[in-house]
Amino acid sequence: MFLKIREDEVKCLLSKLHGNHCKLEDDGFRVVEMGPLLKDLTLNIVMRMVSGKVFYEEDSNKFREIVTKIMEHGGASSPEDFIPLWNWIDPTGFMKKVKKLGKTSDEFLQLLIDGIRNQNDGGNTMIHHLLTLQDVET
């Protein structure tokens, strides 16, 4: 269902690689740092599949920051995992950080959902499909 989105984003990446975004070396080859380009490709595909929007600098950076923090905290262990008594005290501030991250991501996602809910255009995004399922269940 999202093949067109992936095709568009890969074409965009290829045009970036073909264009002036890469530094030309003396021997005529281009030096390309693929890591950031692939990260942008992945984030753009995910955001277009979820919300149907192409995000620009401000929204993209906010989404990127949220995803990066989720990945950092997702696999992290803290002393509270091994000493349950510390959950009450939270000496490392881990739970406070995770709760703040949860609130930030909830606010960002709620803005996306509200924007799509107000459009009512019956688009082909994950949020549209989930809202349709929500309407069917209620």
N, C-alpha and C. Protein backbone atom coordinates (compact mmCIF):
# COMPACT_ATOMS: atom_id res chain seq x y z
N MET A 1 0.81 -1.20 0.00
CA MET A 1 0.00 0.00 0.00
C MET A 1 0.86 1.27 0.00
N PHE A 2 2.06 1.19 0.51
CA PHE A 2 2.92 2.37 0.63
C PHE A 2 4.09 2.34 -0.35
N LEU A 3 3.98 1.53 -1.40
CA LEU A 3 5.05 1.40 -2.36
C LEU A 3 5.39 2.74 -3.01
N LYS A 4 4.40 3.53 -3.36
CA LYS A 4 4.62 4.82 -4.02
C LYS A 4 5.45 5.75 -3.14
N ILE A 5 5.19 5.74 -1.84
CA ILE A 5 5.94 6.58 -0.90
C ILE A 5 7.41 6.17 -0.90
N ARG A 6 7.66 4.87 -0.81
CA ARG A 6 9.05 4.40 -0.80
C ARG A 6 9.75 4.74 -2.11
N GLU A 7 9.05 4.56 -3.22
CA GLU A 7 9.63 4.90 -4.52
C GLU A 7 9.98 6.38 -4.59
N ASP A 8 9.07 7.24 -4.16
CA ASP A 8 9.32 8.69 -4.20
C ASP A 8 10.52 9.08 -3.36
N GLU A 9 10.62 8.52 -2.18
CA GLU A 9 11.72 8.87 -1.29
C GLU A 9 13.06 8.35 -1.80
N VAL A 10 13.07 7.17 -2.39
CA VAL A 10 14.32 6.65 -2.96
C VAL A 10 14.73 7.50 -4.16
N LYS A 11 13.76 7.91 -4.99
CA LYS A 11 14.08 8.80 -6.12
C LYS A 11 14.66 10.12 -5.61
N CYS A 12 14.10 10.64 -4.54
CA CYS A 12 14.61 11.88 -3.95
C CYS A 12 16.05 11.68 -3.46
N LEU A 13 16.32 10.56 -2.81
CA LEU A 13 17.67 10.26 -2.36
C LEU A 13 18.63 10.16 -3.54
N LEU A 14 18.21 9.49 -4.60
CA LEU A 14 19.07 9.36 -5.78
C LEU A 14 19.34 10.72 -6.42
N SER A 15 18.34 11.58 -6.43
CA SER A 15 18.58 12.92 -7.00
C SER A 15 19.54 13.72 -6.12
N LYS A 16 19.48 13.52 -4.80
CA LYS A 16 20.44 14.17 -3.92
C LYS A 16 21.85 13.66 -4.20
N LEU A 17 21.97 12.35 -4.39
CA LEU A 17 23.28 11.77 -4.68
C LEU A 17 23.81 12.24 -6.03
N HIS A 18 22.94 12.42 -6.98
CA HIS A 18 23.35 12.84 -8.31
C HIS A 18 23.64 14.34 -8.37
N GLY A 19 23.01 15.10 -7.51
CA GLY A 19 23.14 16.55 -7.54
C GLY A 19 24.42 17.06 -6.90
N ASN A 20 24.38 18.28 -6.49
CA ASN A 20 25.55 18.95 -5.94
C ASN A 20 25.72 18.75 -4.43
N HIS A 21 25.01 17.81 -3.87
CA HIS A 21 25.08 17.60 -2.43
C HIS A 21 26.34 16.85 -2.00
N CYS A 22 27.06 16.32 -2.95
CA CYS A 22 28.24 15.53 -2.63
C CYS A 22 29.49 16.23 -3.15
N LYS A 23 30.54 16.20 -2.38
CA LYS A 23 31.79 16.88 -2.73
C LYS A 23 32.56 16.07 -3.77
N LEU A 24 32.99 16.72 -4.84
CA LEU A 24 33.76 16.08 -5.90
C LEU A 24 35.23 16.04 -5.51
N GLU A 25 35.84 14.89 -5.62
CA GLU A 25 37.27 14.73 -5.33
C GLU A 25 38.08 15.03 -6.60
N ASP A 26 39.40 15.07 -6.46
CA ASP A 26 40.29 15.37 -7.59
C ASP A 26 40.19 14.33 -8.70
N ASP A 27 39.94 13.07 -8.34
CA ASP A 27 39.89 12.03 -9.35
C ASP A 27 38.50 11.89 -9.99
N GLY A 28 37.58 12.78 -9.67
CA GLY A 28 36.26 12.78 -10.30
C GLY A 28 35.21 11.99 -9.56
N PHE A 29 35.59 11.31 -8.50
CA PHE A 29 34.62 10.57 -7.72
C PHE A 29 34.02 11.47 -6.64
N ARG A 30 32.88 11.08 -6.15
CA ARG A 30 32.22 11.85 -5.10
C ARG A 30 32.36 11.11 -3.76
N VAL A 31 32.64 11.88 -2.74
CA VAL A 31 32.67 11.34 -1.39
C VAL A 31 31.29 11.53 -0.80
N VAL A 32 30.71 10.45 -0.34
CA VAL A 32 29.34 10.49 0.16
C VAL A 32 29.29 9.90 1.56
N GLU A 33 28.71 10.64 2.46
CA GLU A 33 28.46 10.14 3.82
C GLU A 33 27.05 9.56 3.80
N MET A 34 26.96 8.24 3.69
CA MET A 34 25.67 7.58 3.50
C MET A 34 24.83 7.49 4.77
N GLY A 35 25.49 7.48 5.92
CA GLY A 35 24.74 7.33 7.18
C GLY A 35 23.62 8.34 7.34
N PRO A 36 23.91 9.64 7.30
CA PRO A 36 22.84 10.63 7.45
C PRO A 36 21.80 10.57 6.34
N LEU A 37 22.23 10.26 5.12
CA LEU A 37 21.28 10.16 4.01
C LEU A 37 20.31 9.01 4.21
N LEU A 38 20.81 7.87 4.66
CA LEU A 38 19.94 6.71 4.89
C LEU A 38 19.03 6.94 6.10
N LYS A 39 19.55 7.63 7.11
CA LYS A 39 18.72 7.95 8.26
C LYS A 39 17.58 8.88 7.84
N ASP A 40 17.88 9.89 7.03
CA ASP A 40 16.84 10.79 6.53
C ASP A 40 15.84 10.04 5.66
N LEU A 41 16.33 9.14 4.82
CA LEU A 41 15.45 8.33 3.98
C LEU A 41 14.47 7.54 4.83
N THR A 42 14.99 6.87 5.84
CA THR A 42 14.14 6.06 6.70
C THR A 42 13.11 6.91 7.44
N LEU A 43 13.55 8.02 8.01
CA LEU A 43 12.62 8.88 8.74
C LEU A 43 11.56 9.47 7.82
N ASN A 44 11.95 9.87 6.62
CA ASN A 44 10.98 10.42 5.68
C ASN A 44 9.95 9.38 5.26
N ILE A 45 10.40 8.16 5.01
CA ILE A 45 9.47 7.09 4.64
C ILE A 45 8.50 6.83 5.78
N VAL A 46 9.01 6.71 6.98
CA VAL A 46 8.14 6.43 8.14
C VAL A 46 7.13 7.56 8.33
N MET A 47 7.59 8.81 8.28
CA MET A 47 6.66 9.92 8.51
C MET A 47 5.62 10.04 7.41
N ARG A 48 6.00 9.76 6.17
CA ARG A 48 5.00 9.82 5.09
C ARG A 48 4.01 8.67 5.20
N MET A 49 4.47 7.50 5.66
CA MET A 49 3.55 6.38 5.84
C MET A 49 2.60 6.64 7.00
N VAL A 50 3.11 7.23 8.06
CA VAL A 50 2.28 7.47 9.24
C VAL A 50 1.32 8.63 9.02
N SER A 51 1.84 9.75 8.51
CA SER A 51 1.02 10.96 8.46
C SER A 51 0.70 11.45 7.06
N GLY A 52 1.39 10.94 6.05
CA GLY A 52 1.15 11.40 4.69
C GLY A 52 1.81 12.72 4.38
N LYS A 53 2.61 13.24 5.29
CA LYS A 53 3.24 14.54 5.11
C LYS A 53 4.73 14.39 4.88
N VAL A 54 5.25 15.32 4.10
CA VAL A 54 6.70 15.45 3.99
C VAL A 54 7.08 16.50 5.01
N PHE A 55 7.92 16.11 5.96
CA PHE A 55 8.28 17.04 7.01
C PHE A 55 9.50 17.84 6.62
N TYR A 56 9.46 19.09 6.98
CA TYR A 56 10.56 19.98 6.68
C TYR A 56 11.39 20.15 7.93
N GLU A 57 12.31 21.05 7.90
CA GLU A 57 13.37 21.18 8.90
C GLU A 57 12.87 21.10 10.34
N GLU A 58 11.92 21.94 10.73
CA GLU A 58 11.51 22.02 12.14
C GLU A 58 10.84 20.74 12.62
N ASP A 59 9.81 20.27 11.88
CA ASP A 59 9.11 19.05 12.28
C ASP A 59 10.01 17.83 12.17
N SER A 60 10.82 17.80 11.13
CA SER A 60 11.72 16.68 10.93
C SER A 60 12.72 16.58 12.08
N ASN A 61 13.27 17.71 12.49
CA ASN A 61 14.23 17.70 13.60
C ASN A 61 13.57 17.26 14.90
N LYS A 62 12.34 17.71 15.13
CA LYS A 62 11.63 17.32 16.36
C LYS A 62 11.37 15.81 16.35
N PHE A 63 10.89 15.30 15.22
CA PHE A 63 10.63 13.86 15.12
C PHE A 63 11.92 13.07 15.27
N ARG A 64 12.98 13.53 14.62
CA ARG A 64 14.28 12.87 14.69
C ARG A 64 14.79 12.83 16.14
N GLU A 65 14.62 13.94 16.85
CA GLU A 65 15.05 14.01 18.24
C GLU A 65 14.26 13.03 19.11
N ILE A 66 12.95 12.96 18.90
CA ILE A 66 12.11 12.04 19.68
C ILE A 66 12.53 10.60 19.42
N VAL A 67 12.70 10.24 18.15
CA VAL A 67 13.07 8.86 17.81
C VAL A 67 14.44 8.52 18.38
N THR A 68 15.39 9.44 18.29
CA THR A 68 16.73 9.20 18.83
C THR A 68 16.68 8.96 20.33
N LYS A 69 15.91 9.78 21.05
CA LYS A 69 15.81 9.60 22.50
C LYS A 69 15.11 8.29 22.85
N ILE A 70 14.09 7.92 22.09
CA ILE A 70 13.41 6.65 22.35
C ILE A 70 14.38 5.50 22.17
N MET A 71 15.20 5.56 21.12
CA MET A 71 16.18 4.49 20.88
C MET A 71 17.23 4.45 21.98
N GLU A 72 17.64 5.62 22.48
CA GLU A 72 18.63 5.66 23.55
C GLU A 72 18.08 5.05 24.83
N HIS A 73 16.85 5.37 25.15
CA HIS A 73 16.26 4.91 26.41
C HIS A 73 15.61 3.53 26.29
N GLY A 74 15.32 3.11 25.06
CA GLY A 74 14.61 1.85 24.85
C GLY A 74 15.35 0.63 25.37
N GLY A 75 16.62 0.56 25.13
CA GLY A 75 17.39 -0.60 25.55
C GLY A 75 18.22 -0.36 26.79
N ALA A 76 18.06 0.81 27.36
CA ALA A 76 18.88 1.15 28.52
C ALA A 76 18.39 0.44 29.77
N SER A 77 19.32 0.05 30.58
CA SER A 77 18.96 -0.50 31.88
C SER A 77 19.40 0.51 32.93
N SER A 78 18.71 0.47 34.01
CA SER A 78 19.05 1.39 35.10
C SER A 78 19.11 0.59 36.39
N PRO A 79 19.71 1.15 37.41
CA PRO A 79 19.79 0.43 38.69
C PRO A 79 18.41 0.07 39.23
N GLU A 80 17.39 0.85 38.86
CA GLU A 80 16.04 0.57 39.32
C GLU A 80 15.52 -0.78 38.82
N ASP A 81 16.08 -1.25 37.70
CA ASP A 81 15.69 -2.56 37.18
C ASP A 81 16.13 -3.68 38.11
N PHE A 82 17.22 -3.46 38.83
CA PHE A 82 17.78 -4.51 39.66
C PHE A 82 17.51 -4.30 41.15
N ILE A 83 17.24 -3.07 41.52
CA ILE A 83 16.94 -2.75 42.91
C ILE A 83 15.57 -2.06 42.94
N PRO A 84 14.49 -2.82 43.10
CA PRO A 84 13.14 -2.25 43.01
C PRO A 84 12.87 -1.10 43.98
N LEU A 85 13.55 -1.07 45.10
CA LEU A 85 13.35 0.00 46.07
C LEU A 85 13.71 1.37 45.47
N TRP A 86 14.67 1.37 44.53
CA TRP A 86 15.10 2.63 43.92
C TRP A 86 14.03 3.24 43.02
N ASN A 87 13.03 2.44 42.61
CA ASN A 87 11.93 2.98 41.80
C ASN A 87 11.22 4.11 42.53
N TRP A 88 11.12 4.02 43.82
CA TRP A 88 10.44 5.06 44.61
C TRP A 88 11.28 6.33 44.67
N ILE A 89 12.60 6.14 44.70
CA ILE A 89 13.50 7.27 44.89
C ILE A 89 13.91 7.89 43.54
N ASP A 90 14.16 7.06 42.53
CA ASP A 90 14.63 7.47 41.21
C ASP A 90 15.88 8.34 41.30
N PRO A 91 16.97 7.80 41.89
CA PRO A 91 18.17 8.62 42.08
C PRO A 91 18.86 9.03 40.79
N THR A 92 18.70 8.27 39.73
CA THR A 92 19.36 8.61 38.47
C THR A 92 18.51 9.53 37.59
N GLY A 93 17.24 9.69 37.93
CA GLY A 93 16.35 10.52 37.14
C GLY A 93 15.89 9.85 35.85
N PHE A 94 16.11 8.55 35.74
CA PHE A 94 15.74 7.81 34.53
C PHE A 94 14.24 7.85 34.28
N MET A 95 13.46 7.57 35.31
CA MET A 95 12.00 7.55 35.14
C MET A 95 11.46 8.94 34.77
N LYS A 96 12.05 9.97 35.34
CA LYS A 96 11.63 11.33 35.02
C LYS A 96 11.89 11.63 33.55
N LYS A 97 13.06 11.22 33.04
CA LYS A 97 13.39 11.42 31.63
C LYS A 97 12.45 10.65 30.71
N VAL A 98 12.15 9.41 31.08
CA VAL A 98 11.29 8.58 30.26
C VAL A 98 9.86 9.14 30.24
N LYS A 99 9.38 9.60 31.37
CA LYS A 99 8.03 10.19 31.41
C LYS A 99 7.96 11.47 30.59
N LYS A 100 9.01 12.28 30.65
CA LYS A 100 9.05 13.51 29.86
C LYS A 100 9.08 13.17 28.36
N LEU A 101 9.85 12.16 28.00
CA LEU A 101 9.91 11.72 26.61
C LEU A 101 8.56 11.20 26.15
N GLY A 102 7.88 10.45 27.00
CA GLY A 102 6.55 9.95 26.67
C GLY A 102 5.56 11.09 26.43
N LYS A 103 5.63 12.10 27.28
CA LYS A 103 4.74 13.25 27.13
C LYS A 103 5.03 14.00 25.84
N THR A 104 6.31 14.20 25.53
CA THR A 104 6.71 14.89 24.30
C THR A 104 6.24 14.13 23.06
N SER A 105 6.45 12.81 23.06
CA SER A 105 6.04 12.02 21.89
C SER A 105 4.52 11.97 21.77
N ASP A 106 3.81 11.90 22.90
CA ASP A 106 2.35 11.93 22.86
C ASP A 106 1.83 13.23 22.28
N GLU A 107 2.43 14.35 22.67
CA GLU A 107 2.00 15.65 22.15
C GLU A 107 2.25 15.75 20.65
N PHE A 108 3.41 15.29 20.20
CA PHE A 108 3.74 15.34 18.78
C PHE A 108 2.77 14.47 17.97
N LEU A 109 2.54 13.24 18.44
CA LEU A 109 1.64 12.35 17.73
C LEU A 109 0.20 12.85 17.76
N GLN A 110 -0.20 13.47 18.87
CA GLN A 110 -1.56 14.01 18.96
C GLN A 110 -1.76 15.13 17.94
N LEU A 111 -0.74 15.96 17.73
CA LEU A 111 -0.82 17.00 16.70
C LEU A 111 -1.01 16.39 15.32
N LEU A 112 -0.29 15.32 15.04
CA LEU A 112 -0.45 14.63 13.75
C LEU A 112 -1.85 14.07 13.60
N ILE A 113 -2.34 13.43 14.65
CA ILE A 113 -3.67 12.82 14.59
C ILE A 113 -4.74 13.89 14.43
N ASP A 114 -4.64 14.96 15.19
CA ASP A 114 -5.64 16.03 15.08
C ASP A 114 -5.64 16.66 13.70
N GLY A 115 -4.45 16.85 13.13
CA GLY A 115 -4.36 17.41 11.79
C GLY A 115 -5.03 16.54 10.75
N ILE A 116 -4.83 15.24 10.85
CA ILE A 116 -5.43 14.31 9.89
C ILE A 116 -6.92 14.16 10.16
N ARG A 117 -7.31 14.14 11.42
CA ARG A 117 -8.74 14.02 11.76
C ARG A 117 -9.52 15.21 11.22
N ASN A 118 -8.92 16.40 11.23
CA ASN A 118 -9.59 17.59 10.73
C ASN A 118 -9.68 17.63 9.20
N GLN A 119 -8.81 16.89 8.52
CA GLN A 119 -8.81 16.89 7.05
C GLN A 119 -9.98 16.11 6.47
N ASN A 120 -10.28 14.94 7.05
CA ASN A 120 -11.36 14.07 6.57
C ASN A 120 -11.29 13.82 5.07
N ASP A 121 -10.08 13.56 4.55
CA ASP A 121 -9.96 13.33 3.11
C ASP A 121 -9.84 11.85 2.75
N GLY A 122 -9.93 10.97 3.75
CA GLY A 122 -9.87 9.53 3.47
C GLY A 122 -8.57 9.10 2.85
N GLY A 123 -7.46 9.64 3.30
CA GLY A 123 -6.15 9.35 2.73
C GLY A 123 -5.66 7.95 3.03
N ASN A 124 -4.50 7.64 2.52
CA ASN A 124 -3.89 6.32 2.68
C ASN A 124 -2.68 6.44 3.58
N THR A 125 -2.92 6.66 4.87
CA THR A 125 -1.84 6.69 5.85
C THR A 125 -2.20 5.76 6.99
N MET A 126 -1.21 5.44 7.82
CA MET A 126 -1.49 4.58 8.96
C MET A 126 -2.48 5.24 9.92
N ILE A 127 -2.34 6.53 10.10
CA ILE A 127 -3.26 7.24 11.00
C ILE A 127 -4.68 7.18 10.46
N HIS A 128 -4.86 7.35 9.15
CA HIS A 128 -6.20 7.23 8.55
C HIS A 128 -6.79 5.85 8.82
N HIS A 129 -5.97 4.82 8.60
CA HIS A 129 -6.45 3.46 8.80
C HIS A 129 -6.81 3.21 10.27
N LEU A 130 -5.98 3.69 11.19
CA LEU A 130 -6.28 3.50 12.61
C LEU A 130 -7.52 4.28 13.04
N LEU A 131 -7.71 5.48 12.51
CA LEU A 131 -8.92 6.25 12.83
C LEU A 131 -10.17 5.57 12.27
N THR A 132 -10.03 4.97 11.09
CA THR A 132 -11.15 4.23 10.51
C THR A 132 -11.50 3.03 11.38
N LEU A 133 -10.49 2.32 11.85
CA LEU A 133 -10.75 1.18 12.74
C LEU A 133 -11.39 1.64 14.05
N GLN A 134 -10.97 2.78 14.54
CA GLN A 134 -11.55 3.32 15.78
C GLN A 134 -13.03 3.65 15.56
N ASP A 135 -13.36 4.22 14.40
CA ASP A 135 -14.77 4.54 14.10
C ASP A 135 -15.62 3.29 13.98
N VAL A 136 -15.03 2.24 13.40
CA VAL A 136 -15.77 0.98 13.22
C VAL A 136 -16.05 0.33 14.57
N GLU A 137 -15.11 0.41 15.49
CA GLU A 137 -15.27 -0.24 16.79
C GLU A 137 -16.24 0.48 17.70
N THR A 138 -16.43 1.79 17.50
CA THR A 138 -17.32 2.52 18.41
C THR A 138 -18.70 2.64 17.88
